[in-house]
Amino acid sequence: MTTHLLNHAPAVHLPHSVPARLDLEAGAAWSATGPRRGVSIRCERGTVWVTVEGDPEDHVLAAPAVFETHRRGRVAAQALDRARIRVEPA
């Protein structure tokens, strides 16, 4: 999975078998091209907006909500306030 932290933050590589926790300041964004089987995003703190390439709906997650997609393609999350997300393959 190739991942990117936006807002001038360095890119992060997430191995397929290892979940990752990301702390995002309000307005910061993260994106990744997910594996074939999709990705799971758990909002552990705060609120995040999530969008998936090819999905006509966007999603807002407030802790402790979980979003899972089984689509392959780019997934992006943006913190609406200070947030922590856990990202792992679905």
PDB file of N, CA and C in Angstrom:
ATOM      1  N   MET A   1       0.856  -1.150   0.000  1.00  0.00           N
ATOM      2  CA  MET A   1       0.000   0.000   0.000  1.00  0.00           C
ATOM      3  C   MET A   1       0.909   1.222   0.000  1.00  0.00           C
ATOM      4  N   THR A   2       0.710   2.144  -0.910  1.00  0.00           N
ATOM      5  CA  THR A   2       1.463   3.389  -0.938  1.00  0.00           C
ATOM      6  C   THR A   2       0.642   4.451  -0.234  1.00  0.00           C
ATOM      7  N   THR A   3       1.246   5.166   0.700  1.00  0.00           N
ATOM      8  CA  THR A   3       0.492   6.153   1.456  1.00  0.00           C
ATOM      9  C   THR A   3       1.160   7.518   1.385  1.00  0.00           C
ATOM     10  N   HIS A   4       0.372   8.543   1.637  1.00  0.00           N
ATOM     11  CA  HIS A   4       0.880   9.914   1.634  1.00  0.00           C
ATOM     12  C   HIS A   4       0.210  10.692   2.747  1.00  0.00           C
ATOM     13  N   LEU A   5       0.997  11.473   3.446  1.00  0.00           N
ATOM     14  CA  LEU A   5       0.440  12.453   4.365  1.00  0.00           C
ATOM     15  C   LEU A   5       0.522  13.774   3.628  1.00  0.00           C
ATOM     16  N   LEU A   6      -0.571  14.478   3.549  1.00  0.00           N
ATOM     17  CA  LEU A   6      -0.601  15.724   2.810  1.00  0.00           C
ATOM     18  C   LEU A   6      -0.240  16.880   3.735  1.00  0.00           C
ATOM     19  N   ASN A   7      -0.264  18.101   3.267  1.00  0.00           N
ATOM     20  CA  ASN A   7       0.131  19.286   4.028  1.00  0.00           C
ATOM     21  C   ASN A   7       1.619  19.252   4.347  1.00  0.00           C
ATOM     22  N   HIS A   8       2.437  18.849   3.388  1.00  0.00           N
ATOM     23  CA  HIS A   8       3.891  18.878   3.477  1.00  0.00           C
ATOM     24  C   HIS A   8       4.469  17.905   4.485  1.00  0.00           C
ATOM     25  N   ALA A   9       3.737  16.906   4.890  1.00  0.00           N
ATOM     26  CA  ALA A   9       4.272  15.885   5.782  1.00  0.00           C
ATOM     27  C   ALA A   9       4.930  14.797   4.940  1.00  0.00           C
ATOM     28  N   PRO A  10       5.895  14.077   5.485  1.00  0.00           N
ATOM     29  CA  PRO A  10       6.564  13.028   4.712  1.00  0.00           C
ATOM     30  C   PRO A  10       5.632  11.868   4.410  1.00  0.00           C
ATOM     31  N   ALA A  11       5.904  11.167   3.327  1.00  0.00           N
ATOM     32  CA  ALA A  11       5.120   9.984   2.974  1.00  0.00           C
ATOM     33  C   ALA A  11       5.437   8.865   3.947  1.00  0.00           C
ATOM     34  N   VAL A  12       4.471   7.991   4.157  1.00  0.00           N
ATOM     35  CA  VAL A  12       4.631   6.860   5.061  1.00  0.00           C
ATOM     36  C   VAL A  12       4.280   5.603   4.281  1.00  0.00           C
ATOM     37  N   HIS A  13       5.093   4.573   4.415  1.00  0.00           N
ATOM     38  CA  HIS A  13       4.785   3.298   3.764  1.00  0.00           C
ATOM     39  C   HIS A  13       4.196   2.364   4.803  1.00  0.00           C
ATOM     40  N   LEU A  14       3.056   1.790   4.520  1.00  0.00           N
ATOM     41  CA  LEU A  14       2.414   0.853   5.434  1.00  0.00           C
ATOM     42  C   LEU A  14       2.506  -0.552   4.856  1.00  0.00           C
ATOM     43  N   PRO A  15       3.244  -1.454   5.514  1.00  0.00           N
ATOM     44  CA  PRO A  15       3.258  -2.838   5.045  1.00  0.00           C
ATOM     45  C   PRO A  15       1.850  -3.410   5.110  1.00  0.00           C
ATOM     46  N   HIS A  16       1.531  -4.315   4.204  1.00  0.00           N
ATOM     47  CA  HIS A  16       0.178  -4.881   4.123  1.00  0.00           C
ATOM     48  C   HIS A  16      -0.236  -5.591   5.409  1.00  0.00           C
ATOM     49  N   SER A  17       0.704  -6.201   6.110  1.00  0.00           N
ATOM     50  CA  SER A  17       0.342  -7.012   7.267  1.00  0.00           C
ATOM     51  C   SER A  17       0.367  -6.254   8.586  1.00  0.00           C
ATOM     52  N   VAL A  18       0.804  -5.007   8.583  1.00  0.00           N
ATOM     53  CA  VAL A  18       0.956  -4.268   9.838  1.00  0.00           C
ATOM     54  C   VAL A  18       0.005  -3.072   9.871  1.00  0.00           C
ATOM     55  N   PRO A  19      -0.876  -3.004  10.892  1.00  0.00           N
ATOM     56  CA  PRO A  19      -1.731  -1.821  11.023  1.00  0.00           C
ATOM     57  C   PRO A  19      -0.890  -0.610  11.423  1.00  0.00           C
ATOM     58  N   ALA A  20      -1.399   0.583  11.175  1.00  0.00           N
ATOM     59  CA  ALA A  20      -0.693   1.809  11.535  1.00  0.00           C
ATOM     60  C   ALA A  20      -1.652   2.766  12.216  1.00  0.00           C
ATOM     61  N   ARG A  21      -1.138   3.524  13.176  1.00  0.00           N
ATOM     62  CA  ARG A  21      -1.895   4.602  13.813  1.00  0.00           C
ATOM     63  C   ARG A  21      -1.281   5.911  13.352  1.00  0.00           C
ATOM     64  N   LEU A  22      -2.149   6.832  12.966  1.00  0.00           N
ATOM     65  CA  LEU A  22      -1.692   8.139  12.502  1.00  0.00           C
ATOM     66  C   LEU A  22      -2.387   9.227  13.302  1.00  0.00           C
ATOM     67  N   ASP A  23      -1.613  10.142  13.845  1.00  0.00           N
ATOM     68  CA  ASP A  23      -2.159  11.320  14.517  1.00  0.00           C
ATOM     69  C   ASP A  23      -2.211  12.444  13.503  1.00  0.00           C
ATOM     70  N   LEU A  24      -3.376  13.045  13.330  1.00  0.00           N
ATOM     71  CA  LEU A  24      -3.568  14.116  12.350  1.00  0.00           C
ATOM     72  C   LEU A  24      -4.042  15.373  13.062  1.00  0.00           C
ATOM     73  N   GLU A  25      -3.372  16.479  12.800  1.00  0.00           N
ATOM     74  CA  GLU A  25      -3.828  17.776  13.294  1.00  0.00           C
ATOM     75  C   GLU A  25      -5.048  18.197  12.480  1.00  0.00           C
ATOM     76  N   ALA A  26      -5.852  19.088  13.003  1.00  0.00           N
ATOM     77  CA  ALA A  26      -7.030  19.578  12.276  1.00  0.00           C
ATOM     78  C   ALA A  26      -6.609  20.083  10.901  1.00  0.00           C
ATOM     79  N   GLY A  27      -7.276  19.610   9.871  1.00  0.00           N
ATOM     80  CA  GLY A  27      -6.983  20.017   8.500  1.00  0.00           C
ATOM     81  C   GLY A  27      -5.964  19.146   7.791  1.00  0.00           C
ATOM     82  N   ALA A  28      -5.188  18.358   8.529  1.00  0.00           N
ATOM     83  CA  ALA A  28      -4.192  17.480   7.901  1.00  0.00           C
ATOM     84  C   ALA A  28      -4.906  16.314   7.222  1.00  0.00           C
ATOM     85  N   ALA A  29      -4.299  15.809   6.159  1.00  0.00           N
ATOM     86  CA  ALA A  29      -4.915  14.730   5.393  1.00  0.00           C
ATOM     87  C   ALA A  29      -3.918  13.610   5.149  1.00  0.00           C
ATOM     88  N   TRP A  30      -4.445  12.426   4.935  1.00  0.00           N
ATOM     89  CA  TRP A  30      -3.683  11.218   4.625  1.00  0.00           C
ATOM     90  C   TRP A  30      -4.367  10.554   3.447  1.00  0.00           C
ATOM     91  N   SER A  31      -3.575   9.943   2.560  1.00  0.00           N
ATOM     92  CA  SER A  31      -4.182   9.174   1.472  1.00  0.00           C
ATOM     93  C   SER A  31      -3.323   7.962   1.170  1.00  0.00           C
ATOM     94  N   ALA A  32      -3.959   6.968   0.564  1.00  0.00           N
ATOM     95  CA  ALA A  32      -3.259   5.736   0.207  1.00  0.00           C
ATOM     96  C   ALA A  32      -3.952   5.084  -0.965  1.00  0.00           C
ATOM     97  N   THR A  33      -3.185   4.358  -1.738  1.00  0.00           N
ATOM     98  CA  THR A  33      -3.751   3.449  -2.726  1.00  0.00           C
ATOM     99  C   THR A  33      -3.791   2.104  -2.035  1.00  0.00           C
ATOM    100  N   GLY A  34      -4.982   1.653  -1.738  1.00  0.00           N
ATOM    101  CA  GLY A  34      -5.155   0.457  -0.926  1.00  0.00           C
ATOM    102  C   GLY A  34      -4.875  -0.828  -1.672  1.00  0.00           C
ATOM    103  N   PRO A  35      -4.701  -1.907  -0.902  1.00  0.00           N
ATOM    104  CA  PRO A  35      -4.510  -3.224  -1.503  1.00  0.00           C
ATOM    105  C   PRO A  35      -5.805  -3.696  -2.171  1.00  0.00           C
ATOM    106  N   ARG A  36      -5.725  -4.753  -2.929  1.00  0.00           N
ATOM    107  CA  ARG A  36      -6.881  -5.273  -3.666  1.00  0.00           C
ATOM    108  C   ARG A  36      -8.091  -5.528  -2.788  1.00  0.00           C
ATOM    109  N   ARG A  37      -7.852  -5.973  -1.579  1.00  0.00           N
ATOM    110  CA  ARG A  37      -8.989  -6.332  -0.715  1.00  0.00           C
ATOM    111  C   ARG A  37      -9.544  -5.147   0.062  1.00  0.00           C
ATOM    112  N   GLY A  38      -9.005  -3.958  -0.125  1.00  0.00           N
ATOM    113  CA  GLY A  38      -9.548  -2.768   0.518  1.00  0.00           C
ATOM    114  C   GLY A  38      -8.829  -2.397   1.798  1.00  0.00           C
ATOM    115  N   VAL A  39      -9.422  -1.448   2.519  1.00  0.00           N
ATOM    116  CA  VAL A  39      -8.793  -0.906   3.706  1.00  0.00           C
ATOM    117  C   VAL A  39      -9.848  -0.619   4.776  1.00  0.00           C
ATOM    118  N   SER A  40      -9.419  -0.690   6.024  1.00  0.00           N
ATOM    119  CA  SER A  40     -10.269  -0.374   7.162  1.00  0.00           C
ATOM    120  C   SER A  40      -9.666   0.840   7.873  1.00  0.00           C
ATOM    121  N   ILE A  41     -10.503   1.827   8.189  1.00  0.00           N
ATOM    122  CA  ILE A  41     -10.060   3.015   8.916  1.00  0.00           C
ATOM    123  C   ILE A  41     -10.911   3.130  10.176  1.00  0.00           C
ATOM    124  N   ARG A  42     -10.251   3.113  11.319  1.00  0.00           N
ATOM    125  CA  ARG A  42     -10.938   3.292  12.605  1.00  0.00           C
ATOM    126  C   ARG A  42     -10.557   4.668  13.134  1.00  0.00           C
ATOM    127  N   CYS A  43     -11.544   5.478  13.428  1.00  0.00           N
ATOM    128  CA  CYS A  43     -11.311   6.786  14.023  1.00  0.00           C
ATOM    129  C   CYS A  43     -11.230   6.575  15.533  1.00  0.00           C
ATOM    130  N   GLU A  44     -10.034   6.705  16.093  1.00  0.00           N
ATOM    131  CA  GLU A  44      -9.842   6.466  17.523  1.00  0.00           C
ATOM    132  C   GLU A  44     -10.003   7.729  18.354  1.00  0.00           C
ATOM    133  N   ARG A  45      -9.850   8.882  17.726  1.00  0.00           N
ATOM    134  CA  ARG A  45     -10.016  10.166  18.423  1.00  0.00           C
ATOM    135  C   ARG A  45     -10.426  11.214  17.402  1.00  0.00           C
ATOM    136  N   GLY A  46     -11.301  12.113  17.787  1.00  0.00           N
ATOM    137  CA  GLY A  46     -11.682  13.212  16.913  1.00  0.00           C
ATOM    138  C   GLY A  46     -12.678  12.815  15.832  1.00  0.00           C
ATOM    139  N   THR A  47     -12.632  13.569  14.723  1.00  0.00           N
ATOM    140  CA  THR A  47     -13.549  13.371  13.597  1.00  0.00           C
ATOM    141  C   THR A  47     -12.765  13.485  12.300  1.00  0.00           C
ATOM    142  N   VAL A  48     -13.015  12.562  11.375  1.00  0.00           N
ATOM    143  CA  VAL A  48     -12.352  12.590  10.070  1.00  0.00           C
ATOM    144  C   VAL A  48     -13.364  12.436   8.949  1.00  0.00           C
ATOM    145  N   TRP A  49     -13.050  13.049   7.819  1.00  0.00           N
ATOM    146  CA  TRP A  49     -13.816  12.907   6.583  1.00  0.00           C
ATOM    147  C   TRP A  49     -13.060  11.900   5.734  1.00  0.00           C
ATOM    148  N   VAL A  50     -13.769  10.921   5.171  1.00  0.00           N
ATOM    149  CA  VAL A  50     -13.141   9.870   4.367  1.00  0.00           C
ATOM    150  C   VAL A  50     -13.804   9.828   3.000  1.00  0.00           C
ATOM    151  N   THR A  51     -12.981   9.711   1.962  1.00  0.00           N
ATOM    152  CA  THR A  51     -13.495   9.549   0.605  1.00  0.00           C
ATOM    153  C   THR A  51     -12.711   8.428  -0.079  1.00  0.00           C
ATOM    154  N   VAL A  52     -13.389   7.720  -0.971  1.00  0.00           N
ATOM    155  CA  VAL A  52     -12.802   6.588  -1.668  1.00  0.00           C
ATOM    156  C   VAL A  52     -13.004   6.782  -3.163  1.00  0.00           C
ATOM    157  N   GLU A  53     -11.939   6.604  -3.916  1.00  0.00           N
ATOM    158  CA  GLU A  53     -12.007   6.704  -5.371  1.00  0.00           C
ATOM    159  C   GLU A  53     -13.089   5.762  -5.894  1.00  0.00           C
ATOM    160  N   GLY A  54     -14.004   6.283  -6.709  1.00  0.00           N
ATOM    161  CA  GLY A  54     -15.060   5.477  -7.306  1.00  0.00           C
ATOM    162  C   GLY A  54     -16.313   5.336  -6.458  1.00  0.00           C
ATOM    163  N   ASP A  55     -16.277   5.834  -5.219  1.00  0.00           N
ATOM    164  CA  ASP A  55     -17.450   5.775  -4.336  1.00  0.00           C
ATOM    165  C   ASP A  55     -18.127   7.140  -4.384  1.00  0.00           C
ATOM    166  N   PRO A  56     -19.384   7.215  -4.801  1.00  0.00           N
ATOM    167  CA  PRO A  56     -20.038   8.518  -4.930  1.00  0.00           C
ATOM    168  C   PRO A  56     -20.346   9.186  -3.587  1.00  0.00           C
ATOM    169  N   GLU A  57     -20.241   8.439  -2.480  1.00  0.00           N
ATOM    170  CA  GLU A  57     -20.533   9.004  -1.162  1.00  0.00           C
ATOM    171  C   GLU A  57     -19.258   9.250  -0.374  1.00  0.00           C
ATOM    172  N   ASP A  58     -19.230  10.349   0.380  1.00  0.00           N
ATOM    173  CA  ASP A  58     -18.169  10.600   1.336  1.00  0.00           C
ATOM    174  C   ASP A  58     -18.679  10.177   2.703  1.00  0.00           C
ATOM    175  N   HIS A  59     -17.764  10.018   3.645  1.00  0.00           N
ATOM    176  CA  HIS A  59     -18.121   9.492   4.954  1.00  0.00           C
ATOM    177  C   HIS A  59     -17.453  10.339   6.031  1.00  0.00           C
ATOM    178  N   VAL A  60     -18.182  10.630   7.106  1.00  0.00           N
ATOM    179  CA  VAL A  60     -17.620  11.334   8.248  1.00  0.00           C
ATOM    180  C   VAL A  60     -17.628  10.365   9.419  1.00  0.00           C
ATOM    181  N   LEU A  61     -16.450  10.175  10.014  1.00  0.00           N
ATOM    182  CA  LEU A  61     -16.305   9.257  11.137  1.00  0.00           C
ATOM    183  C   LEU A  61     -15.984  10.038  12.399  1.00  0.00           C
ATOM    184  N   ALA A  62     -16.725   9.795  13.443  1.00  0.00           N
ATOM    185  CA  ALA A  62     -16.417  10.334  14.766  1.00  0.00           C
ATOM    186  C   ALA A  62     -16.048   9.149  15.650  1.00  0.00           C
ATOM    187  N   ALA A  63     -15.006   9.307  16.461  1.00  0.00           N
ATOM    188  CA  ALA A  63     -14.539   8.211  17.318  1.00  0.00           C
ATOM    189  C   ALA A  63     -15.714   7.649  18.111  1.00  0.00           C
ATOM    190  N   PRO A  64     -15.851   6.349  18.164  1.00  0.00           N
ATOM    191  CA  PRO A  64     -14.961   5.266  17.737  1.00  0.00           C
ATOM    192  C   PRO A  64     -15.408   4.571  16.442  1.00  0.00           C
ATOM    193  N   ALA A  65     -15.948   5.289  15.505  1.00  0.00           N
ATOM    194  CA  ALA A  65     -16.494   4.703  14.276  1.00  0.00           C
ATOM    195  C   ALA A  65     -15.414   4.032  13.418  1.00  0.00           C
ATOM    196  N   VAL A  66     -15.868   3.052  12.631  1.00  0.00           N
ATOM    197  CA  VAL A  66     -14.994   2.326  11.708  1.00  0.00           C
ATOM    198  C   VAL A  66     -15.598   2.400  10.317  1.00  0.00           C
ATOM    199  N   PHE A  67     -14.741   2.627   9.318  1.00  0.00           N
ATOM    200  CA  PHE A  67     -15.161   2.604   7.919  1.00  0.00           C
ATOM    201  C   PHE A  67     -14.333   1.542   7.222  1.00  0.00           C
ATOM    202  N   GLU A  68     -14.990   0.713   6.417  1.00  0.00           N
ATOM    203  CA  GLU A  68     -14.283  -0.317   5.678  1.00  0.00           C
ATOM    204  C   GLU A  68     -14.738  -0.286   4.227  1.00  0.00           C
ATOM    205  N   THR A  69     -13.779  -0.348   3.333  1.00  0.00           N
ATOM    206  CA  THR A  69     -14.103  -0.435   1.917  1.00  0.00           C
ATOM    207  C   THR A  69     -13.400  -1.648   1.337  1.00  0.00           C
ATOM    208  N   HIS A  70     -14.065  -2.282   0.388  1.00  0.00           N
ATOM    209  CA  HIS A  70     -13.467  -3.439  -0.281  1.00  0.00           C
ATOM    210  C   HIS A  70     -13.106  -3.091  -1.713  1.00  0.00           C
ATOM    211  N   ARG A  71     -13.080  -1.792  -2.005  1.00  0.00           N
ATOM    212  CA  ARG A  71     -12.680  -1.316  -3.334  1.00  0.00           C
ATOM    213  C   ARG A  71     -11.176  -1.114  -3.367  1.00  0.00           C
ATOM    214  N   ARG A  72     -10.584  -1.390  -4.500  1.00  0.00           N
ATOM    215  CA  ARG A  72      -9.185  -1.051  -4.709  1.00  0.00           C
ATOM    216  C   ARG A  72      -9.177   0.371  -5.241  1.00  0.00           C
ATOM    217  N   GLY A  73      -8.222   1.154  -4.825  1.00  0.00           N
ATOM    218  CA  GLY A  73      -8.113   2.526  -5.298  1.00  0.00           C
ATOM    219  C   GLY A  73      -7.694   3.453  -4.174  1.00  0.00           C
ATOM    220  N   ARG A  74      -7.617   4.712  -4.482  1.00  0.00           N
ATOM    221  CA  ARG A  74      -7.163   5.700  -3.515  1.00  0.00           C
ATOM    222  C   ARG A  74      -8.219   5.957  -2.459  1.00  0.00           C
ATOM    223  N   VAL A  75      -7.753   6.001  -1.221  1.00  0.00           N
ATOM    224  CA  VAL A  75      -8.573   6.325  -0.057  1.00  0.00           C
ATOM    225  C   VAL A  75      -7.930   7.544   0.593  1.00  0.00           C
ATOM    226  N   ALA A  76      -8.736   8.518   0.993  1.00  0.00           N
ATOM    227  CA  ALA A  76      -8.199   9.712   1.645  1.00  0.00           C
ATOM    228  C   ALA A  76      -9.007  10.014   2.897  1.00  0.00           C
ATOM    229  N   ALA A  77      -8.302  10.495   3.917  1.00  0.00           N
ATOM    230  CA  ALA A  77      -8.949  10.911   5.160  1.00  0.00           C
ATOM    231  C   ALA A  77      -8.396  12.279   5.543  1.00  0.00           C
ATOM    232  N   GLN A  78      -9.280  13.178   5.963  1.00  0.00           N
ATOM    233  CA  GLN A  78      -8.864  14.498   6.421  1.00  0.00           C
ATOM    234  C   GLN A  78      -9.450  14.731   7.806  1.00  0.00           C
ATOM    235  N   ALA A  79      -8.599  15.197   8.723  1.00  0.00           N
ATOM    236  CA  ALA A  79      -9.032  15.466  10.093  1.00  0.00           C
ATOM    237  C   ALA A  79      -9.854  16.751  10.134  1.00  0.00           C
ATOM    238  N   LEU A  80     -11.064  16.666  10.666  1.00  0.00           N
ATOM    239  CA  LEU A  80     -11.899  17.853  10.824  1.00  0.00           C
ATOM    240  C   LEU A  80     -11.557  18.565  12.131  1.00  0.00           C
ATOM    241  N   ASP A  81     -10.983  17.809  13.053  1.00  0.00           N
ATOM    242  CA  ASP A  81     -10.374  18.356  14.268  1.00  0.00           C
ATOM    243  C   ASP A  81      -9.205  17.411  14.581  1.00  0.00           C
ATOM    244  N   ARG A  82      -8.484  17.648  15.635  1.00  0.00           N
ATOM    245  CA  ARG A  82      -7.352  16.792  15.948  1.00  0.00           C
ATOM    246  C   ARG A  82      -7.855  15.346  16.064  1.00  0.00           C
ATOM    247  N   ALA A  83      -7.201  14.425  15.339  1.00  0.00           N
ATOM    248  CA  ALA A  83      -7.723  13.060  15.262  1.00  0.00           C
ATOM    249  C   ALA A  83      -6.605  12.038  15.253  1.00  0.00           C
ATOM    250  N   ARG A  84      -6.987  10.817  15.581  1.00  0.00           N
ATOM    251  CA  ARG A  84      -6.095   9.658  15.444  1.00  0.00           C
ATOM    252  C   ARG A  84      -6.870   8.599  14.695  1.00  0.00           C
ATOM    253  N   ILE A  85      -6.248   8.034  13.652  1.00  0.00           N
ATOM    254  CA  ILE A  85      -6.872   6.946  12.906  1.00  0.00           C
ATOM    255  C   ILE A  85      -5.971   5.725  12.924  1.00  0.00           C
ATOM    256  N   ARG A  86      -6.598   4.582  12.855  1.00  0.00           N
ATOM    257  CA  ARG A  86      -5.877   3.314  12.717  1.00  0.00           C
ATOM    258  C   ARG A  86      -6.240   2.790  11.340  1.00  0.00           C
ATOM    259  N   VAL A  87      -5.232   2.505  10.535  1.00  0.00           N
ATOM    260  CA  VAL A  87      -5.430   2.057   9.157  1.00  0.00           C
ATOM    261  C   VAL A  87      -4.835   0.668   8.996  1.00  0.00           C
ATOM    262  N   GLU A  88      -5.612  -0.220   8.371  1.00  0.00           N
ATOM    263  CA  GLU A  88      -5.115  -1.562   8.114  1.00  0.00           C
ATOM    264  C   GLU A  88      -5.857  -2.161   6.921  1.00  0.00           C
ATOM    265  N   PRO A  89      -5.263  -3.165   6.297  1.00  0.00           N
ATOM    266  CA  PRO A  89      -5.964  -3.821   5.198  1.00  0.00           C
ATOM    267  C   PRO A  89      -7.278  -4.404   5.691  1.00  0.00           C
ATOM    268  N   ALA A  90      -8.290  -4.416   4.839  1.00  0.00           N
ATOM    269  CA  ALA A  90      -9.625  -4.944   5.224  1.00  0.00           C
ATOM    270  C   ALA A  90      -9.590  -6.451   5.240  1.00  0.00           C
TER     271      ALA A  90
END
